[in-house]
Amino acid sequence: MNFAYDVDNHVEGMNVLKEGWFTESDLMFTGFTPSIKVDSVLVEENSKFQHIIVFKSKQLGKVLVLDNAIQCTEFDEFSYQEMIAFLPQIGRASCRERV
């Protein structure tokens, strides 16, 4: 697997997967770079649209990374599910049946 990944909007020459650590090197948050210890890389490939990495971390479980930006983890997935379920319920105040 090739762990070096650079695109124009990421820190030039910085490996996102290096020596057992994933580092999110996005310039959107200058002065802040989260790093996560990687237990194993499950997927690393390029699609027609983005660079995809899925890895396993002891602290966060499986982690989905698209174009070097962390999208979601098993640790915090409940927050995404709650938003998907609760927003339609709130929008339908007249609905008598609740999930």
PDB file of N, CA and C in Angstrom:
ATOM      1  N   MET A   1       0.828  -1.190   0.000  1.00  0.00           N
ATOM      2  CA  MET A   1       0.000   0.000   0.000  1.00  0.00           C
ATOM      3  C   MET A   1       0.870   1.250   0.000  1.00  0.00           C
ATOM      4  N   ASN A   2       0.402   2.247  -0.704  1.00  0.00           N
ATOM      5  CA  ASN A   2       1.109   3.515  -0.736  1.00  0.00           C
ATOM      6  C   ASN A   2       0.471   4.456   0.278  1.00  0.00           C
ATOM      7  N   PHE A   3       1.194   4.802   1.310  1.00  0.00           N
ATOM      8  CA  PHE A   3       0.637   5.627   2.373  1.00  0.00           C
ATOM      9  C   PHE A   3       0.886   7.110   2.168  1.00  0.00           C
ATOM     10  N   ALA A   4       1.648   7.478   1.169  1.00  0.00           N
ATOM     11  CA  ALA A   4       1.902   8.900   0.909  1.00  0.00           C
ATOM     12  C   ALA A   4       0.799   9.426   0.006  1.00  0.00           C
ATOM     13  N   TYR A   5       0.164  10.513   0.407  1.00  0.00           N
ATOM     14  CA  TYR A   5      -0.933  11.092  -0.371  1.00  0.00           C
ATOM     15  C   TYR A   5      -0.851  12.600  -0.308  1.00  0.00           C
ATOM     16  N   ASP A   6      -0.693  13.214  -1.444  1.00  0.00           N
ATOM     17  CA  ASP A   6      -0.618  14.672  -1.519  1.00  0.00           C
ATOM     18  C   ASP A   6      -1.557  15.173  -2.602  1.00  0.00           C
ATOM     19  N   VAL A   7      -2.309  16.203  -2.313  1.00  0.00           N
ATOM     20  CA  VAL A   7      -3.057  16.941  -3.315  1.00  0.00           C
ATOM     21  C   VAL A   7      -2.819  18.409  -3.053  1.00  0.00           C
ATOM     22  N   ASP A   8      -3.247  19.247  -3.951  1.00  0.00           N
ATOM     23  CA  ASP A   8      -2.918  20.674  -3.869  1.00  0.00           C
ATOM     24  C   ASP A   8      -3.344  21.332  -2.567  1.00  0.00           C
ATOM     25  N   ASN A   9      -4.455  20.905  -1.964  1.00  0.00           N
ATOM     26  CA  ASN A   9      -4.937  21.596  -0.764  1.00  0.00           C
ATOM     27  C   ASN A   9      -4.485  20.940   0.539  1.00  0.00           C
ATOM     28  N   HIS A  10      -3.525  20.065   0.489  1.00  0.00           N
ATOM     29  CA  HIS A  10      -2.992  19.447   1.695  1.00  0.00           C
ATOM     30  C   HIS A  10      -1.527  19.841   1.871  1.00  0.00           C
ATOM     31  N   VAL A  11      -1.021  19.632   3.052  1.00  0.00           N
ATOM     32  CA  VAL A  11       0.353  20.013   3.343  1.00  0.00           C
ATOM     33  C   VAL A  11       1.293  19.216   2.449  1.00  0.00           C
ATOM     34  N   GLU A  12       2.090  19.902   1.679  1.00  0.00           N
ATOM     35  CA  GLU A  12       2.954  19.251   0.713  1.00  0.00           C
ATOM     36  C   GLU A  12       3.998  18.386   1.404  1.00  0.00           C
ATOM     37  N   GLY A  13       4.128  17.150   0.926  1.00  0.00           N
ATOM     38  CA  GLY A  13       5.151  16.250   1.434  1.00  0.00           C
ATOM     39  C   GLY A  13       4.789  15.553   2.738  1.00  0.00           C
ATOM     40  N   MET A  14       3.623  15.832   3.305  1.00  0.00           N
ATOM     41  CA  MET A  14       3.247  15.207   4.568  1.00  0.00           C
ATOM     42  C   MET A  14       2.508  13.905   4.296  1.00  0.00           C
ATOM     43  N   ASN A  15       2.944  12.819   4.917  1.00  0.00           N
ATOM     44  CA  ASN A  15       2.261  11.545   4.776  1.00  0.00           C
ATOM     45  C   ASN A  15       1.085  11.500   5.738  1.00  0.00           C
ATOM     46  N   VAL A  16      -0.078  11.102   5.247  1.00  0.00           N
ATOM     47  CA  VAL A  16      -1.235  11.017   6.121  1.00  0.00           C
ATOM     48  C   VAL A  16      -1.197   9.743   6.956  1.00  0.00           C
ATOM     49  N   LEU A  17      -0.583   8.692   6.450  1.00  0.00           N
ATOM     50  CA  LEU A  17      -0.377   7.458   7.197  1.00  0.00           C
ATOM     51  C   LEU A  17       1.123   7.217   7.290  1.00  0.00           C
ATOM     52  N   LYS A  18       1.662   7.347   8.482  1.00  0.00           N
ATOM     53  CA  LYS A  18       3.106   7.213   8.639  1.00  0.00           C
ATOM     54  C   LYS A  18       3.422   6.621   9.998  1.00  0.00           C
ATOM     55  N   GLU A  19       4.210   5.578   9.984  1.00  0.00           N
ATOM     56  CA  GLU A  19       4.705   4.962  11.213  1.00  0.00           C
ATOM     57  C   GLU A  19       3.588   4.648  12.204  1.00  0.00           C
ATOM     58  N   GLY A  20       2.465   4.100  11.694  1.00  0.00           N
ATOM     59  CA  GLY A  20       1.388   3.679  12.563  1.00  0.00           C
ATOM     60  C   GLY A  20       0.454   4.786  13.020  1.00  0.00           C
ATOM     61  N   TRP A  21       0.544   5.961  12.428  1.00  0.00           N
ATOM     62  CA  TRP A  21      -0.321   7.085  12.803  1.00  0.00           C
ATOM     63  C   TRP A  21      -0.963   7.679  11.558  1.00  0.00           C
ATOM     64  N   PHE A  22      -2.231   8.082  11.673  1.00  0.00           N
ATOM     65  CA  PHE A  22      -2.905   8.851  10.634  1.00  0.00           C
ATOM     66  C   PHE A  22      -2.901  10.305  11.079  1.00  0.00           C
ATOM     67  N   THR A  23      -2.497  11.202  10.195  1.00  0.00           N
ATOM     68  CA  THR A  23      -2.494  12.631  10.491  1.00  0.00           C
ATOM     69  C   THR A  23      -3.337  13.346   9.454  1.00  0.00           C
ATOM     70  N   GLU A  24      -4.350  14.057   9.908  1.00  0.00           N
ATOM     71  CA  GLU A  24      -5.199  14.827   9.016  1.00  0.00           C
ATOM     72  C   GLU A  24      -4.481  16.139   8.718  1.00  0.00           C
ATOM     73  N   SER A  25      -4.022  16.298   7.491  1.00  0.00           N
ATOM     74  CA  SER A  25      -3.206  17.466   7.152  1.00  0.00           C
ATOM     75  C   SER A  25      -3.955  18.400   6.223  1.00  0.00           C
ATOM     76  N   ASP A  26      -5.081  18.883   6.664  1.00  0.00           N
ATOM     77  CA  ASP A  26      -5.899  19.792   5.875  1.00  0.00           C
ATOM     78  C   ASP A  26      -5.585  21.228   6.275  1.00  0.00           C
ATOM     79  N   LEU A  27      -5.473  22.093   5.309  1.00  0.00           N
ATOM     80  CA  LEU A  27      -5.137  23.487   5.598  1.00  0.00           C
ATOM     81  C   LEU A  27      -6.320  24.291   6.142  1.00  0.00           C
ATOM     82  N   MET A  28      -7.514  23.701   6.164  1.00  0.00           N
ATOM     83  CA  MET A  28      -8.676  24.416   6.672  1.00  0.00           C
ATOM     84  C   MET A  28      -8.489  24.792   8.143  1.00  0.00           C
ATOM     85  N   PHE A  29      -7.810  23.930   8.898  1.00  0.00           N
ATOM     86  CA  PHE A  29      -7.586  24.190  10.315  1.00  0.00           C
ATOM     87  C   PHE A  29      -6.105  24.432  10.547  1.00  0.00           C
ATOM     88  N   THR A  30      -5.602  25.570  10.143  1.00  0.00           N
ATOM     89  CA  THR A  30      -4.184  25.849  10.331  1.00  0.00           C
ATOM     90  C   THR A  30      -3.866  25.935  11.819  1.00  0.00           C
ATOM     91  N   GLY A  31      -2.774  25.362  12.200  1.00  0.00           N
ATOM     92  CA  GLY A  31      -2.360  25.356  13.599  1.00  0.00           C
ATOM     93  C   GLY A  31      -2.949  24.209  14.393  1.00  0.00           C
ATOM     94  N   PHE A  32      -3.743  23.358  13.739  1.00  0.00           N
ATOM     95  CA  PHE A  32      -4.359  22.222  14.421  1.00  0.00           C
ATOM     96  C   PHE A  32      -4.318  21.021  13.493  1.00  0.00           C
ATOM     97  N   THR A  33      -3.686  19.933  13.940  1.00  0.00           N
ATOM     98  CA  THR A  33      -3.587  18.727  13.136  1.00  0.00           C
ATOM     99  C   THR A  33      -3.858  17.511  14.002  1.00  0.00           C
ATOM    100  N   PRO A  34      -5.057  16.906  13.899  1.00  0.00           N
ATOM    101  CA  PRO A  34      -5.326  15.713  14.697  1.00  0.00           C
ATOM    102  C   PRO A  34      -4.574  14.501  14.163  1.00  0.00           C
ATOM    103  N   SER A  35      -4.093  13.662  15.064  1.00  0.00           N
ATOM    104  CA  SER A  35      -3.434  12.406  14.709  1.00  0.00           C
ATOM    105  C   SER A  35      -4.076  11.276  15.491  1.00  0.00           C
ATOM    106  N   ILE A  36      -4.236  10.126  14.840  1.00  0.00           N
ATOM    107  CA  ILE A  36      -4.864   8.961  15.449  1.00  0.00           C
ATOM    108  C   ILE A  36      -3.954   7.764  15.248  1.00  0.00           C
ATOM    109  N   LYS A  37      -3.721   7.001  16.308  1.00  0.00           N
ATOM    110  CA  LYS A  37      -2.908   5.783  16.206  1.00  0.00           C
ATOM    111  C   LYS A  37      -3.689   4.735  15.422  1.00  0.00           C
ATOM    112  N   VAL A  38      -3.054   4.153  14.408  1.00  0.00           N
ATOM    113  CA  VAL A  38      -3.681   3.185  13.509  1.00  0.00           C
ATOM    114  C   VAL A  38      -3.283   1.769  13.915  1.00  0.00           C
ATOM    115  N   ASP A  39      -4.293   0.919  14.147  1.00  0.00           N
ATOM    116  CA  ASP A  39      -4.012  -0.493  14.404  1.00  0.00           C
ATOM    117  C   ASP A  39      -3.809  -1.251  13.101  1.00  0.00           C
ATOM    118  N   SER A  40      -4.700  -1.027  12.126  1.00  0.00           N
ATOM    119  CA  SER A  40      -4.557  -1.663  10.819  1.00  0.00           C
ATOM    120  C   SER A  40      -5.315  -0.860   9.767  1.00  0.00           C
ATOM    121  N   VAL A  41      -4.770  -0.861   8.555  1.00  0.00           N
ATOM    122  CA  VAL A  41      -5.427  -0.198   7.425  1.00  0.00           C
ATOM    123  C   VAL A  41      -6.287  -1.244   6.731  1.00  0.00           C
ATOM    124  N   LEU A  42      -7.590  -0.985   6.645  1.00  0.00           N
ATOM    125  CA  LEU A  42      -8.513  -1.926   6.029  1.00  0.00           C
ATOM    126  C   LEU A  42      -8.651  -1.677   4.530  1.00  0.00           C
ATOM    127  N   VAL A  43      -8.693  -0.396   4.128  1.00  0.00           N
ATOM    128  CA  VAL A  43      -8.834  -0.030   2.716  1.00  0.00           C
ATOM    129  C   VAL A  43      -8.057   1.258   2.472  1.00  0.00           C
ATOM    130  N   GLU A  44      -7.340   1.293   1.373  1.00  0.00           N
ATOM    131  CA  GLU A  44      -6.776   2.545   0.871  1.00  0.00           C
ATOM    132  C   GLU A  44      -6.802   2.468  -0.642  1.00  0.00           C
ATOM    133  N   GLU A  45      -7.608   3.299  -1.261  1.00  0.00           N
ATOM    134  CA  GLU A  45      -7.723   3.285  -2.719  1.00  0.00           C
ATOM    135  C   GLU A  45      -8.255   4.621  -3.224  1.00  0.00           C
ATOM    136  N   ASN A  46      -8.142   4.785  -4.522  1.00  0.00           N
ATOM    137  CA  ASN A  46      -8.674   5.979  -5.183  1.00  0.00           C
ATOM    138  C   ASN A  46      -9.891   5.593  -5.997  1.00  0.00           C
ATOM    139  N   SER A  47     -10.966   6.366  -5.854  1.00  0.00           N
ATOM    140  CA  SER A  47     -12.119   6.209  -6.730  1.00  0.00           C
ATOM    141  C   SER A  47     -12.004   7.278  -7.811  1.00  0.00           C
ATOM    142  N   LYS A  48     -13.009   7.381  -8.657  1.00  0.00           N
ATOM    143  CA  LYS A  48     -13.007   8.440  -9.670  1.00  0.00           C
ATOM    144  C   LYS A  48     -13.104   9.808  -9.030  1.00  0.00           C
ATOM    145  N   PHE A  49     -13.594   9.876  -7.796  1.00  0.00           N
ATOM    146  CA  PHE A  49     -13.905  11.157  -7.187  1.00  0.00           C
ATOM    147  C   PHE A  49     -13.054  11.521  -5.975  1.00  0.00           C
ATOM    148  N   GLN A  50     -12.484  10.530  -5.271  1.00  0.00           N
ATOM    149  CA  GLN A  50     -11.778  10.847  -4.026  1.00  0.00           C
ATOM    150  C   GLN A  50     -10.818   9.742  -3.610  1.00  0.00           C
ATOM    151  N   HIS A  51      -9.947  10.093  -2.688  1.00  0.00           N
ATOM    152  CA  HIS A  51      -9.030   9.134  -2.072  1.00  0.00           C
ATOM    153  C   HIS A  51      -9.721   8.602  -0.816  1.00  0.00           C
ATOM    154  N   ILE A  52      -9.804   7.272  -0.693  1.00  0.00           N
ATOM    155  CA  ILE A  52     -10.553   6.639   0.393  1.00  0.00           C
ATOM    156  C   ILE A  52      -9.604   5.856   1.280  1.00  0.00           C
ATOM    157  N   ILE A  53      -9.704   6.087   2.594  1.00  0.00           N
ATOM    158  CA  ILE A  53      -8.963   5.289   3.575  1.00  0.00           C
ATOM    159  C   ILE A  53      -9.950   4.854   4.654  1.00  0.00           C
ATOM    160  N   VAL A  54      -9.909   3.580   4.988  1.00  0.00           N
ATOM    161  CA  VAL A  54     -10.646   3.057   6.138  1.00  0.00           C
ATOM    162  C   VAL A  54      -9.617   2.334   6.992  1.00  0.00           C
ATOM    163  N   PHE A  55      -9.510   2.743   8.251  1.00  0.00           N
ATOM    164  CA  PHE A  55      -8.565   2.065   9.135  1.00  0.00           C
ATOM    165  C   PHE A  55      -9.204   1.799  10.482  1.00  0.00           C
ATOM    166  N   LYS A  56      -8.563   0.925  11.240  1.00  0.00           N
ATOM    167  CA  LYS A  56      -9.061   0.558  12.559  1.00  0.00           C
ATOM    168  C   LYS A  56      -8.158   1.178  13.616  1.00  0.00           C
ATOM    169  N   SER A  57      -8.800   1.761  14.622  1.00  0.00           N
ATOM    170  CA  SER A  57      -8.101   2.388  15.738  1.00  0.00           C
ATOM    171  C   SER A  57      -8.663   1.820  17.033  1.00  0.00           C
ATOM    172  N   LYS A  58      -7.808   1.586  18.003  1.00  0.00           N
ATOM    173  CA  LYS A  58      -8.266   1.047  19.279  1.00  0.00           C
ATOM    174  C   LYS A  58      -9.237   2.007  19.979  1.00  0.00           C
ATOM    175  N   GLN A  59      -8.965   3.299  19.919  1.00  0.00           N
ATOM    176  CA  GLN A  59      -9.779   4.281  20.623  1.00  0.00           C
ATOM    177  C   GLN A  59     -11.085   4.612  19.889  1.00  0.00           C
ATOM    178  N   LEU A  60     -11.057   4.651  18.547  1.00  0.00           N
ATOM    179  CA  LEU A  60     -12.210   5.123  17.778  1.00  0.00           C
ATOM    180  C   LEU A  60     -12.907   4.050  16.959  1.00  0.00           C
ATOM    181  N   GLY A  61     -12.393   2.830  16.922  1.00  0.00           N
ATOM    182  CA  GLY A  61     -12.971   1.791  16.067  1.00  0.00           C
ATOM    183  C   GLY A  61     -12.595   2.042  14.622  1.00  0.00           C
ATOM    184  N   LYS A  62     -13.496   1.698  13.705  1.00  0.00           N
ATOM    185  CA  LYS A  62     -13.240   1.942  12.287  1.00  0.00           C
ATOM    186  C   LYS A  62     -13.403   3.421  11.990  1.00  0.00           C
ATOM    187  N   VAL A  63     -12.489   3.940  11.158  1.00  0.00           N
ATOM    188  CA  VAL A  63     -12.469   5.363  10.812  1.00  0.00           C
ATOM    189  C   VAL A  63     -12.537   5.488   9.292  1.00  0.00           C
ATOM    190  N   LEU A  64     -13.478   6.303   8.797  1.00  0.00           N
ATOM    191  CA  LEU A  64     -13.598   6.579   7.372  1.00  0.00           C
ATOM    192  C   LEU A  64     -12.969   7.931   7.079  1.00  0.00           C
ATOM    193  N   VAL A  65     -12.040   7.946   6.111  1.00  0.00           N
ATOM    194  CA  VAL A  65     -11.343   9.168   5.709  1.00  0.00           C
ATOM    195  C   VAL A  65     -11.532   9.348   4.209  1.00  0.00           C
ATOM    196  N   LEU A  66     -12.021  10.515   3.808  1.00  0.00           N
ATOM    197  CA  LEU A  66     -12.161  10.848   2.392  1.00  0.00           C
ATOM    198  C   LEU A  66     -11.321  12.080   2.098  1.00  0.00           C
ATOM    199  N   ASP A  67     -10.436  11.964   1.125  1.00  0.00           N
ATOM    200  CA  ASP A  67      -9.539  13.060   0.751  1.00  0.00           C
ATOM    201  C   ASP A  67      -8.840  13.654   1.967  1.00  0.00           C
ATOM    202  N   ASN A  68      -8.346  12.782   2.821  1.00  0.00           N
ATOM    203  CA  ASN A  68      -7.575  13.141   4.012  1.00  0.00           C
ATOM    204  C   ASN A  68      -8.378  13.896   5.067  1.00  0.00           C
ATOM    205  N   ALA A  69      -9.700  13.830   4.999  1.00  0.00           N
ATOM    206  CA  ALA A  69     -10.545  14.450   6.022  1.00  0.00           C
ATOM    207  C   ALA A  69     -11.356  13.353   6.703  1.00  0.00           C
ATOM    208  N   ILE A  70     -11.265  13.274   8.026  1.00  0.00           N
ATOM    209  CA  ILE A  70     -12.017  12.274   8.776  1.00  0.00           C
ATOM    210  C   ILE A  70     -13.505  12.571   8.619  1.00  0.00           C
ATOM    211  N   GLN A  71     -14.260  11.570   8.163  1.00  0.00           N
ATOM    212  CA  GLN A  71     -15.695  11.736   7.951  1.00  0.00           C
ATOM    213  C   GLN A  71     -16.497  11.242   9.146  1.00  0.00           C
ATOM    214  N   CYS A  72     -16.189  10.046   9.619  1.00  0.00           N
ATOM    215  CA  CYS A  72     -16.893   9.495  10.774  1.00  0.00           C
ATOM    216  C   CYS A  72     -16.091   8.343  11.360  1.00  0.00           C
ATOM    217  N   THR A  73     -16.418   8.018  12.600  1.00  0.00           N
ATOM    218  CA  THR A  73     -15.784   6.903  13.301  1.00  0.00           C
ATOM    219  C   THR A  73     -16.870   6.085  13.985  1.00  0.00           C
ATOM    220  N   GLU A  74     -16.559   4.844  14.323  1.00  0.00           N
ATOM    221  CA  GLU A  74     -17.518   4.032  15.074  1.00  0.00           C
ATOM    222  C   GLU A  74     -17.801   4.646  16.439  1.00  0.00           C
ATOM    223  N   PHE A  75     -16.827   5.306  17.013  1.00  0.00           N
ATOM    224  CA  PHE A  75     -16.972   5.899  18.341  1.00  0.00           C
ATOM    225  C   PHE A  75     -18.070   6.963  18.394  1.00  0.00           C
ATOM    226  N   ASP A  76     -18.163   7.787  17.352  1.00  0.00           N
ATOM    227  CA  ASP A  76     -19.137   8.878  17.378  1.00  0.00           C
ATOM    228  C   ASP A  76     -20.274   8.729  16.380  1.00  0.00           C
ATOM    229  N   GLU A  77     -20.473   7.512  15.850  1.00  0.00           N
ATOM    230  CA  GLU A  77     -21.496   7.317  14.834  1.00  0.00           C
ATOM    231  C   GLU A  77     -22.904   7.596  15.345  1.00  0.00           C
ATOM    232  N   PHE A  78     -23.144   7.453  16.630  1.00  0.00           N
ATOM    233  CA  PHE A  78     -24.480   7.698  17.176  1.00  0.00           C
ATOM    234  C   PHE A  78     -24.960   9.117  16.899  1.00  0.00           C
ATOM    235  N   SER A  79     -24.046  10.073  16.861  1.00  0.00           N
ATOM    236  CA  SER A  79     -24.457  11.459  16.628  1.00  0.00           C
ATOM    237  C   SER A  79     -25.019  11.640  15.223  1.00  0.00           C
ATOM    238  N   TYR A  80     -24.511  10.898  14.245  1.00  0.00           N
ATOM    239  CA  TYR A  80     -25.034  10.976  12.890  1.00  0.00           C
ATOM    240  C   TYR A  80     -26.409  10.319  12.818  1.00  0.00           C
ATOM    241  N   GLN A  81     -26.557   9.164  13.471  1.00  0.00           N
ATOM    242  CA  GLN A  81     -27.837   8.458  13.446  1.00  0.00           C
ATOM    243  C   GLN A  81     -28.930   9.261  14.137  1.00  0.00           C
ATOM    244  N   GLU A  82     -28.606   9.921  15.235  1.00  0.00           N
ATOM    245  CA  GLU A  82     -29.596  10.724  15.936  1.00  0.00           C
ATOM    246  C   GLU A  82     -30.108  11.864  15.053  1.00  0.00           C
ATOM    247  N   MET A  83     -29.210  12.513  14.336  1.00  0.00           N
ATOM    248  CA  MET A  83     -29.627  13.612  13.457  1.00  0.00           C
ATOM    249  C   MET A  83     -30.531  13.093  12.339  1.00  0.00           C
ATOM    250  N   ILE A  84     -30.209  11.935  11.791  1.00  0.00           N
ATOM    251  CA  ILE A  84     -31.022  11.366  10.713  1.00  0.00           C
ATOM    252  C   ILE A  84     -32.419  11.018  11.225  1.00  0.00           C
ATOM    253  N   ALA A  85     -32.517  10.513  12.453  1.00  0.00           N
ATOM    254  CA  ALA A  85     -33.806  10.081  12.999  1.00  0.00           C
ATOM    255  C   ALA A  85     -34.615  11.232  13.588  1.00  0.00           C
ATOM    256  N   PHE A  86     -33.988  12.142  14.300  1.00  0.00           N
ATOM    257  CA  PHE A  86     -34.735  13.161  15.036  1.00  0.00           C
ATOM    258  C   PHE A  86     -35.227  14.316  14.177  1.00  0.00           C
ATOM    259  N   LEU A  87     -34.466  14.736  13.189  1.00  0.00           N
ATOM    260  CA  LEU A  87     -34.898  15.876  12.374  1.00  0.00           C
ATOM    261  C   LEU A  87     -36.226  15.631  11.663  1.00  0.00           C
ATOM    262  N   PRO A  88     -36.443  14.484  11.024  1.00  0.00           N
ATOM    263  CA  PRO A  88     -37.762  14.263  10.417  1.00  0.00           C
ATOM    264  C   PRO A  88     -38.886  14.224  11.449  1.00  0.00           C
ATOM    265  N   GLN A  89     -38.617  13.701  12.626  1.00  0.00           N
ATOM    266  CA  GLN A  89     -39.648  13.678  13.663  1.00  0.00           C
ATOM    267  C   GLN A  89     -40.016  15.083  14.112  1.00  0.00           C
ATOM    268  N   ILE A  90     -39.041  15.932  14.259  1.00  0.00           N
ATOM    269  CA  ILE A  90     -39.298  17.312  14.670  1.00  0.00           C
ATOM    270  C   ILE A  90     -40.062  18.059  13.580  1.00  0.00           C
ATOM    271  N   GLY A  91     -39.708  17.796  12.330  1.00  0.00           N
ATOM    272  CA  GLY A  91     -40.357  18.456  11.214  1.00  0.00           C
ATOM    273  C   GLY A  91     -41.801  18.037  11.020  1.00  0.00           C
ATOM    274  N   ARG A  92     -42.158  16.889  11.542  1.00  0.00           N
ATOM    275  CA  ARG A  92     -43.519  16.383  11.415  1.00  0.00           C
ATOM    276  C   ARG A  92     -44.215  16.412  12.770  1.00  0.00           C
ATOM    277  N   ALA A  93     -44.436  17.575  13.319  1.00  0.00           N
ATOM    278  CA  ALA A  93     -45.043  17.712  14.637  1.00  0.00           C
ATOM    279  C   ALA A  93     -46.446  17.129  14.706  1.00  0.00           C
ATOM    280  N   SER A  94     -47.137  17.114  13.572  1.00  0.00           N
ATOM    281  CA  SER A  94     -48.499  16.594  13.571  1.00  0.00           C
ATOM    282  C   SER A  94     -48.557  15.063  13.482  1.00  0.00           C
ATOM    283  N   CYS A  95     -47.426  14.444  13.284  1.00  0.00           N
ATOM    284  CA  CYS A  95     -47.383  12.985  13.171  1.00  0.00           C
ATOM    285  C   CYS A  95     -47.668  12.343  14.522  1.00  0.00           C
ATOM    286  N   ARG A  96     -48.652  11.451  14.575  1.00  0.00           N
ATOM    287  CA  ARG A  96     -49.017  10.826  15.848  1.00  0.00           C
ATOM    288  C   ARG A  96     -48.149   9.617  16.163  1.00  0.00           C
ATOM    289  N   GLU A  97     -47.671   8.931  15.150  1.00  0.00           N
ATOM    290  CA  GLU A  97     -46.848   7.753  15.390  1.00  0.00           C
ATOM    291  C   GLU A  97     -45.386   8.172  15.501  1.00  0.00           C
ATOM    292  N   ARG A  98     -44.743   7.676  16.516  1.00  0.00           N
ATOM    293  CA  ARG A  98     -43.318   7.963  16.716  1.00  0.00           C
ATOM    294  C   ARG A  98     -42.546   6.659  16.649  1.00  0.00           C
ATOM    295  N   VAL A  99     -41.350   6.741  16.193  1.00  0.00           N
ATOM    296  CA  VAL A  99     -40.505   5.555  16.093  1.00  0.00           C
ATOM    297  C   VAL A  99     -40.021   5.165  17.466  1.00  0.00           C
TER     298      VAL A  99
END
